Amino acid sequence: MPSVDSVKVAVRVRPFSQREKDAGSRCVISMNSSSTSIYDPKNPGHMKTFTFDLAYWSHSGFLKDKDGMLVSAGSNSRYAGQVKCIQRAI
C-alpha cells in the first residue's frame, strides 16, 4: 500500500514595514478563520479567496513592549505573533 503524505499550509499577514507605511500602503487582505481574501486595490469589487490549514493575522491589533517586541493589544485582538504561529504549526 502506498504511503500517504500530507502538508499543512499556513499563511501569516505581517505588519507593514516602515517603507510600506511611508509609501501610504493599504492592506488589501482580510481573514476570516482559515479563509483569506485578497482585494484588487484598483478594482475593490474584484477579490480572490483562498483557504489555508492555518491562517494568522499579524497586520494590526498589536503594541510594542518595552523591548520593542510586538505583543497582542488585548483580549479582543486577533493579533498572532511569530511565536504563537510557530507553536500552533508544530
Protein backbone atom coordinates (compact mmCIF):
# COMPACT_ATOMS: atom_id res chain seq x y z
CA MET A 1 0.00 0.00 0.00
CA PRO A 2 1.48 3.40 -0.91
CA SER A 3 2.26 5.80 1.90
CA VAL A 4 0.16 8.94 2.19
CA ASP A 5 1.91 12.21 2.90
CA SER A 6 0.21 15.43 3.80
CA VAL A 7 1.32 19.01 4.01
CA LYS A 8 -0.20 21.74 6.14
CA VAL A 9 -0.18 25.17 4.56
CA ALA A 10 -0.11 28.28 6.74
CA VAL A 11 -0.31 31.96 5.91
CA ARG A 12 0.51 34.96 8.10
CA VAL A 13 -0.31 38.58 7.28
CA ARG A 14 2.54 40.58 8.77
CA PRO A 15 2.56 44.24 9.82
CA PHE A 16 3.64 46.82 7.25
CA SER A 17 7.32 47.69 7.19
CA GLN A 18 8.31 51.33 7.69
CA ARG A 19 8.88 51.62 3.93
CA GLU A 20 5.33 50.44 3.27
CA LYS A 21 3.93 52.86 5.84
CA ASP A 22 5.92 55.75 4.34
CA ALA A 23 4.55 54.88 0.89
CA GLY A 24 0.96 55.06 2.20
CA SER A 25 0.28 51.39 1.51
CA ARG A 26 -3.15 49.93 2.25
CA CYS A 27 -3.86 46.42 3.48
CA VAL A 28 -5.74 44.52 0.76
CA ILE A 29 -6.05 41.26 2.70
CA SER A 30 -8.76 40.15 5.09
CA MET A 31 -9.02 36.93 7.07
CA ASN A 32 -11.95 35.02 8.47
CA SER A 33 -10.86 31.81 10.16
CA SER A 34 -8.88 29.83 7.56
CA SER A 35 -10.35 31.81 4.65
CA THR A 36 -8.12 34.59 3.31
CA SER A 37 -9.35 37.16 0.78
CA ILE A 38 -7.18 39.43 -1.33
CA TYR A 39 -8.73 42.52 -2.89
CA ASP A 40 -7.53 44.30 -6.02
CA PRO A 41 -6.79 47.90 -4.85
CA LYS A 42 -7.59 49.22 -8.34
CA ASN A 43 -10.87 47.30 -8.51
CA PRO A 44 -12.19 46.69 -4.95
CA GLY A 45 -15.04 44.55 -6.25
CA HIS A 46 -12.53 42.02 -7.61
CA MET A 47 -11.50 39.58 -4.89
CA LYS A 48 -9.78 36.20 -4.70
CA THR A 49 -10.39 33.92 -1.73
CA PHE A 50 -8.10 31.12 -0.59
CA THR A 51 -8.37 28.53 2.17
CA PHE A 52 -5.35 27.50 4.25
CA ASP A 53 -4.90 24.95 7.01
CA LEU A 54 -3.65 27.69 9.35
CA ALA A 55 -4.15 31.46 8.98
CA TYR A 56 -2.66 34.09 11.28
CA TRP A 57 -3.43 37.80 11.40
CA SER A 58 -0.45 39.89 12.47
CA HIS A 59 -1.12 43.08 10.49
CA SER A 60 -2.80 45.02 13.31
CA GLY A 61 -4.02 44.69 16.88
CA PHE A 62 -0.59 44.85 18.48
CA LEU A 63 1.52 47.05 20.73
CA LYS A 64 5.28 47.25 21.19
CA ASP A 65 6.53 46.11 24.57
CA LYS A 66 9.49 47.66 26.41
CA ASP A 67 11.91 45.51 24.37
CA GLY A 68 10.36 46.55 21.05
CA MET A 69 8.63 43.21 20.53
CA LEU A 70 5.11 43.19 19.09
CA VAL A 71 2.51 41.79 21.50
CA SER A 72 -1.27 41.48 21.42
CA ALA A 73 -3.10 44.71 22.22
CA GLY A 74 -5.66 42.90 24.37
CA SER A 75 -8.03 40.01 24.74
CA ASN A 76 -10.17 41.13 21.77
CA SER A 77 -7.16 41.44 19.45
CA ARG A 78 -6.80 38.99 16.55
CA TYR A 79 -3.03 39.54 16.56
CA ALA A 80 -0.91 36.38 16.34
CA GLY A 81 2.80 36.89 16.95
CA GLN A 82 5.56 34.84 15.37
CA VAL A 83 5.98 32.63 18.46
CA LYS A 84 2.26 31.84 18.55
CA CYS A 85 2.32 30.93 14.86
CA ILE A 86 5.27 28.59 15.26
CA GLN A 87 3.79 26.90 18.34
CA ARG A 88 0.50 26.20 16.55
CA ALA A 89 2.18 24.97 13.38
CA ILE A 90 4.16 22.17 15.05
